[in-house]
Amino acid sequence: MSSPKRCPDCGVELEALKIKTAEGHFLRIETDEPLEGIWGKLGSKEVLKPTAHVCPECGLTRLYTKQEPN
């Protein structure tokens, strides 16, 4: 389990929140790194799913990513 994320300005714990596009889709980040195997050879890129965290004191919002399993 990861340690709680803290606001660099206020020092308080950030609160997790869900963030979606106007169309209701979750955000995704496509990197320039190709996927391994056949999908990478066909041009598919690595995709990361960001999670959002907001500071309840100052409103600072940060996105964090971790690699999606293939």
N, C-alpha and C. Protein backbone atom coordinates (compact mmCIF):
# COMPACT_ATOMS: atom_id res chain seq x y z
N MET A 1 0.84 -1.18 0.00
CA MET A 1 0.00 0.00 0.00
C MET A 1 0.89 1.24 0.00
N SER A 2 0.56 2.24 -0.81
CA SER A 2 1.37 3.44 -0.90
C SER A 2 1.05 4.40 0.25
N SER A 3 2.02 5.21 0.58
CA SER A 3 1.80 6.19 1.65
C SER A 3 0.90 7.31 1.13
N PRO A 4 0.20 8.00 2.03
CA PRO A 4 -0.69 9.09 1.61
C PRO A 4 0.10 10.19 0.90
N LYS A 5 -0.51 10.78 -0.11
CA LYS A 5 0.12 11.88 -0.82
C LYS A 5 -0.18 13.17 -0.06
N ARG A 6 0.81 14.05 0.02
CA ARG A 6 0.66 15.27 0.79
C ARG A 6 0.87 16.48 -0.11
N CYS A 7 0.18 17.56 0.20
CA CYS A 7 0.30 18.82 -0.54
C CYS A 7 1.67 19.43 -0.24
N PRO A 8 2.44 19.77 -1.28
CA PRO A 8 3.75 20.37 -1.05
C PRO A 8 3.66 21.79 -0.47
N ASP A 9 2.51 22.45 -0.64
CA ASP A 9 2.34 23.82 -0.13
C ASP A 9 1.80 23.85 1.30
N CYS A 10 0.78 23.03 1.58
CA CYS A 10 0.10 23.07 2.88
C CYS A 10 0.54 21.97 3.83
N GLY A 11 1.05 20.86 3.29
CA GLY A 11 1.47 19.74 4.12
C GLY A 11 0.34 18.82 4.55
N VAL A 12 -0.90 19.11 4.11
CA VAL A 12 -2.02 18.24 4.48
C VAL A 12 -2.17 17.11 3.47
N GLU A 13 -2.87 16.06 3.87
CA GLU A 13 -3.07 14.90 3.00
C GLU A 13 -4.01 15.25 1.85
N LEU A 14 -3.61 14.85 0.64
CA LEU A 14 -4.45 15.07 -0.53
C LEU A 14 -5.60 14.08 -0.54
N GLU A 15 -6.75 14.52 -1.05
CA GLU A 15 -7.92 13.66 -1.16
C GLU A 15 -8.03 13.15 -2.59
N ALA A 16 -8.27 11.86 -2.74
CA ALA A 16 -8.45 11.27 -4.07
C ALA A 16 -9.79 11.70 -4.64
N LEU A 17 -9.84 11.90 -5.95
CA LEU A 17 -11.09 12.21 -6.62
C LEU A 17 -11.08 11.59 -8.01
N LYS A 18 -12.28 11.45 -8.58
CA LYS A 18 -12.39 10.91 -9.93
C LYS A 18 -12.48 12.08 -10.89
N ILE A 19 -11.80 11.95 -12.02
CA ILE A 19 -11.81 13.00 -13.02
C ILE A 19 -12.15 12.38 -14.37
N LYS A 20 -13.10 13.00 -15.08
CA LYS A 20 -13.56 12.50 -16.37
C LYS A 20 -13.62 13.64 -17.38
N THR A 21 -13.70 13.26 -18.65
CA THR A 21 -13.87 14.26 -19.71
C THR A 21 -15.32 14.73 -19.72
N ALA A 22 -15.61 15.75 -20.51
CA ALA A 22 -16.97 16.26 -20.63
C ALA A 22 -17.93 15.20 -21.17
N GLU A 23 -17.39 14.24 -21.93
CA GLU A 23 -18.22 13.17 -22.49
C GLU A 23 -18.41 12.01 -21.51
N GLY A 24 -17.80 12.10 -20.32
CA GLY A 24 -17.95 11.07 -19.32
C GLY A 24 -16.92 9.96 -19.36
N HIS A 25 -15.88 10.13 -20.17
CA HIS A 25 -14.83 9.13 -20.27
C HIS A 25 -13.74 9.41 -19.23
N PHE A 26 -13.11 8.34 -18.75
CA PHE A 26 -11.96 8.52 -17.86
C PHE A 26 -10.77 8.98 -18.68
N LEU A 27 -9.89 9.74 -18.06
CA LEU A 27 -8.68 10.20 -18.74
C LEU A 27 -7.71 9.05 -18.94
N ARG A 28 -6.90 9.16 -19.98
CA ARG A 28 -5.83 8.21 -20.23
C ARG A 28 -4.70 8.96 -20.90
N ILE A 29 -3.50 8.52 -20.64
CA ILE A 29 -2.31 9.14 -21.21
C ILE A 29 -1.61 8.10 -22.06
N GLU A 30 -1.39 8.43 -23.32
CA GLU A 30 -0.68 7.53 -24.22
C GLU A 30 0.76 8.01 -24.33
N THR A 31 1.71 7.13 -24.01
CA THR A 31 3.12 7.50 -24.07
C THR A 31 3.67 7.20 -25.47
N ASP A 32 4.92 7.54 -25.68
CA ASP A 32 5.59 7.22 -26.94
C ASP A 32 6.18 5.82 -26.92
N GLU A 33 6.10 5.14 -25.77
CA GLU A 33 6.66 3.79 -25.63
C GLU A 33 5.72 2.75 -26.25
N PRO A 34 6.23 1.92 -27.16
CA PRO A 34 5.37 0.89 -27.74
C PRO A 34 5.08 -0.22 -26.72
N LEU A 35 3.91 -0.84 -26.86
CA LEU A 35 3.59 -2.01 -26.05
C LEU A 35 4.52 -3.15 -26.45
N GLU A 36 4.69 -4.10 -25.56
CA GLU A 36 5.48 -5.27 -25.89
C GLU A 36 4.64 -6.22 -26.72
N GLY A 37 5.29 -7.08 -27.46
CA GLY A 37 4.59 -8.11 -28.22
C GLY A 37 3.98 -7.61 -29.51
N ILE A 38 2.99 -8.35 -29.96
CA ILE A 38 2.37 -8.09 -31.27
C ILE A 38 1.71 -6.72 -31.35
N TRP A 39 1.07 -6.27 -30.24
CA TRP A 39 0.40 -4.97 -30.26
C TRP A 39 1.39 -3.84 -30.47
N GLY A 40 2.55 -3.94 -29.87
CA GLY A 40 3.58 -2.93 -30.07
C GLY A 40 4.09 -2.91 -31.49
N LYS A 41 4.21 -4.10 -32.08
CA LYS A 41 4.66 -4.17 -33.48
C LYS A 41 3.62 -3.60 -34.43
N LEU A 42 2.36 -3.59 -34.00
CA LEU A 42 1.28 -3.02 -34.82
C LEU A 42 1.09 -1.53 -34.57
N GLY A 43 1.91 -0.95 -33.67
CA GLY A 43 1.87 0.49 -33.45
C GLY A 43 1.16 0.93 -32.18
N SER A 44 0.66 0.00 -31.36
CA SER A 44 -0.01 0.39 -30.12
C SER A 44 1.00 0.92 -29.12
N LYS A 45 0.62 1.97 -28.43
CA LYS A 45 1.50 2.61 -27.45
C LYS A 45 1.06 2.26 -26.03
N GLU A 46 1.98 2.42 -25.10
CA GLU A 46 1.70 2.20 -23.69
C GLU A 46 0.66 3.23 -23.22
N VAL A 47 -0.31 2.80 -22.41
CA VAL A 47 -1.36 3.68 -21.91
C VAL A 47 -1.29 3.72 -20.38
N LEU A 48 -1.34 4.93 -19.83
CA LEU A 48 -1.34 5.14 -18.39
C LEU A 48 -2.68 5.72 -17.98
N LYS A 49 -3.20 5.30 -16.84
CA LYS A 49 -4.46 5.81 -16.33
C LYS A 49 -4.16 6.72 -15.13
N PRO A 50 -4.36 8.04 -15.27
CA PRO A 50 -4.05 8.94 -14.17
C PRO A 50 -5.14 8.92 -13.09
N THR A 51 -4.71 9.13 -11.84
CA THR A 51 -5.63 9.35 -10.74
C THR A 51 -5.40 10.77 -10.25
N ALA A 52 -6.46 11.43 -9.85
CA ALA A 52 -6.38 12.82 -9.40
C ALA A 52 -6.44 12.89 -7.88
N HIS A 53 -5.70 13.83 -7.32
CA HIS A 53 -5.71 14.09 -5.88
C HIS A 53 -5.75 15.61 -5.70
N VAL A 54 -6.58 16.07 -4.76
CA VAL A 54 -6.75 17.51 -4.54
C VAL A 54 -6.48 17.84 -3.07
N CYS A 55 -5.91 19.02 -2.86
CA CYS A 55 -5.67 19.51 -1.50
C CYS A 55 -6.94 20.18 -0.99
N PRO A 56 -7.47 19.74 0.16
CA PRO A 56 -8.68 20.35 0.68
C PRO A 56 -8.47 21.77 1.20
N GLU A 57 -7.22 22.17 1.41
CA GLU A 57 -6.92 23.51 1.93
C GLU A 57 -6.78 24.55 0.81
N CYS A 58 -5.90 24.28 -0.17
CA CYS A 58 -5.59 25.29 -1.18
C CYS A 58 -6.13 24.97 -2.57
N GLY A 59 -6.62 23.73 -2.77
CA GLY A 59 -7.19 23.37 -4.06
C GLY A 59 -6.19 22.85 -5.08
N LEU A 60 -4.92 22.76 -4.71
CA LEU A 60 -3.92 22.22 -5.64
C LEU A 60 -4.38 20.83 -6.08
N THR A 61 -4.37 20.57 -7.37
CA THR A 61 -4.77 19.28 -7.90
C THR A 61 -3.60 18.69 -8.67
N ARG A 62 -3.31 17.42 -8.40
CA ARG A 62 -2.21 16.72 -9.07
C ARG A 62 -2.73 15.44 -9.68
N LEU A 63 -2.15 15.08 -10.81
CA LEU A 63 -2.43 13.80 -11.45
C LEU A 63 -1.24 12.88 -11.24
N TYR A 64 -1.52 11.64 -10.87
CA TYR A 64 -0.49 10.62 -10.70
C TYR A 64 -0.83 9.45 -11.62
N THR A 65 0.19 8.79 -12.14
CA THR A 65 -0.07 7.64 -13.01
C THR A 65 0.71 6.43 -12.54
N LYS A 66 0.18 5.28 -12.88
CA LYS A 66 0.91 4.03 -12.74
C LYS A 66 0.57 3.21 -13.96
N GLN A 67 1.49 2.37 -14.35
CA GLN A 67 1.35 1.62 -15.59
C GLN A 67 0.20 0.62 -15.50
N GLU A 68 -0.63 0.61 -16.55
CA GLU A 68 -1.73 -0.35 -16.67
C GLU A 68 -1.17 -1.71 -17.03
N PRO A 69 -1.68 -2.79 -16.45
CA PRO A 69 -1.25 -4.12 -16.89
C PRO A 69 -1.75 -4.40 -18.30
N ASN A 70 -0.94 -5.11 -19.07
CA ASN A 70 -1.34 -5.42 -20.46
C ASN A 70 -2.30 -6.58 -20.50
